[in-house]
Protein backbone atom coordinates (compact mmCIF):
# COMPACT_ATOMS: atom_id res chain seq x y z
CA MET A 1 -78.88 71.80 4.81
CA LYS A 2 -82.51 70.84 4.40
CA ASN A 3 -83.08 67.10 4.72
CA PRO A 4 -86.55 65.93 3.60
CA ARG A 5 -86.23 62.75 5.66
CA PHE A 6 -85.77 64.73 8.89
CA PRO A 7 -87.71 68.00 8.57
CA LEU A 8 -87.95 68.74 12.31
CA LEU A 9 -84.25 68.17 12.89
CA SER A 10 -83.44 70.32 9.85
CA SER A 11 -85.52 73.16 11.28
CA LEU A 12 -83.97 72.78 14.73
CA SER A 13 -80.50 72.89 13.20
CA LYS A 14 -81.29 76.14 11.42
CA PHE A 15 -82.88 77.55 14.60
CA TRP A 16 -79.79 76.65 16.69
CA ARG A 17 -77.50 78.34 14.20
CA ILE A 18 -79.59 81.53 14.01
CA VAL A 19 -80.01 81.79 17.80
CA GLY A 20 -76.34 80.93 18.26
CA TRP A 21 -75.18 83.75 16.00
CA LEU A 22 -77.56 86.20 17.70
CA VAL A 23 -76.27 85.24 21.16
CA THR A 24 -72.66 85.40 19.92
CA VAL A 25 -73.12 88.92 18.52
CA LEU A 26 -75.00 90.03 21.64
CA GLY A 27 -72.22 88.71 23.87
CA LEU A 28 -69.59 90.49 21.79
CA ILE A 29 -71.51 93.77 21.94
CA ILE A 30 -71.96 93.48 25.71
CA MET A 31 -68.25 92.73 26.19
CA VAL A 32 -67.14 95.68 24.07
CA LEU A 33 -69.58 98.13 25.65
CA PHE A 34 -68.68 97.26 29.24
CA LEU A 35 -64.98 97.27 28.38
CA MET A 36 -65.34 100.72 26.78
CA PHE A 37 -67.27 102.06 29.79
CA GLY A 38 -64.58 100.78 32.11
CA LEU A 39 -61.70 102.15 30.05
CA MET A 40 -63.34 105.57 29.81
CA GLU A 41 -63.12 105.82 33.58
CA GLY A 42 -59.53 104.64 33.55
CA HIS A 43 -60.13 101.39 35.43
CA LEU A 44 -62.57 98.49 35.45
CA ARG A 45 -64.94 98.48 38.40
CA GLN A 46 -66.71 95.37 39.55
CA GLN A 47 -69.81 96.16 37.45
CA GLU A 48 -67.82 96.57 34.24
CA LEU A 49 -65.81 93.44 34.93
CA LEU A 50 -69.00 91.49 35.54
CA GLY A 51 -70.44 92.83 32.28
CA VAL A 52 -67.34 91.75 30.36
CA MET A 53 -67.54 88.28 31.93
CA VAL A 54 -71.25 87.92 31.12
CA GLY A 55 -70.59 89.03 27.54
CA GLY A 56 -67.77 86.51 27.25
CA ILE A 57 -69.96 83.70 28.56
CA LEU A 58 -72.72 84.64 26.11
CA PHE A 59 -70.15 84.70 23.30
CA ILE A 60 -68.93 81.19 24.15
CA VAL A 61 -72.46 79.81 24.62
CA GLY A 62 -73.50 81.31 21.27
CA LEU A 63 -70.58 79.68 19.49
CA GLY A 64 -71.57 76.39 21.11
CA GLN A 65 -75.10 76.77 19.74
CA VAL A 66 -73.74 77.47 16.25
CA ALA A 67 -71.50 74.40 16.50
CA LEU A 68 -74.45 72.25 17.57
CA GLY A 69 -76.42 73.33 14.52
CA GLU A 70 -73.41 72.66 12.28
CA ILE A 71 -72.92 69.18 13.77
CA VAL A 72 -76.45 68.25 12.76
CA GLY A 73 -75.59 69.40 9.21
CA VAL A 74 -72.49 67.19 9.25
CA PHE A 75 -74.60 64.20 10.26
CA PHE A 76 -76.97 64.94 7.38
CA ALA A 77 -74.02 65.02 4.95
CA ILE A 78 -72.71 61.70 6.30
CA GLU A 79 -76.16 60.13 5.96
CA SER A 80 -76.52 61.42 2.40
CA ASN A 81 -73.08 60.16 1.36
CA THR A 82 -73.70 56.77 2.97
CA ARG A 83 -77.05 56.42 1.20
CA ARG A 84 -75.54 57.43 -2.16
CA THR A 85 -72.68 54.95 -1.75
CA ALA A 86 -75.09 52.14 -0.82
CA ASP A 87 -77.22 52.91 -3.88
CA LEU A 88 -74.16 52.87 -6.16
CA LEU A 89 -72.93 49.59 -4.70
CA ALA A 90 -76.38 48.04 -5.08
CA ALA A 91 -76.58 49.16 -8.72
CA GLU A 92 -73.08 47.85 -9.38
CA SER A 93 -73.86 44.42 -7.95
CA GLN A 94 -76.92 44.11 -10.22
CA GLU A 95 -74.93 44.63 -13.44
CA PRO A 96 -74.07 41.47 -15.35
CA PRO A 97 -70.43 40.45 -15.14
CA PRO A 98 -68.27 41.44 -18.13
CA ALA A 99 -67.82 38.79 -20.81
CA GLY A 100 -64.40 37.15 -20.73
CA ASP A 101 -62.16 36.35 -23.70
């Protein structure tokens, strides 16, 4: 979500999401590759186990980055809805009261 009031934060949010998805996919690829290498040999050696753990950590860190970027988008939506509600309430309070019978 692009917010003209906060252009730097909007760009950072997009950056966090892109980097987060890249790290998530990289972690998943590393986990699968090291798991496949270990299973081809019939057992997981220390190197393969370490590779699976590193891939898992990258996967979790990447999802955290994506979530951080999404949280910024949620804050933008809250700010937009709050501003719109305040504008509607201000316009409503400026209308003349309805004429009574």
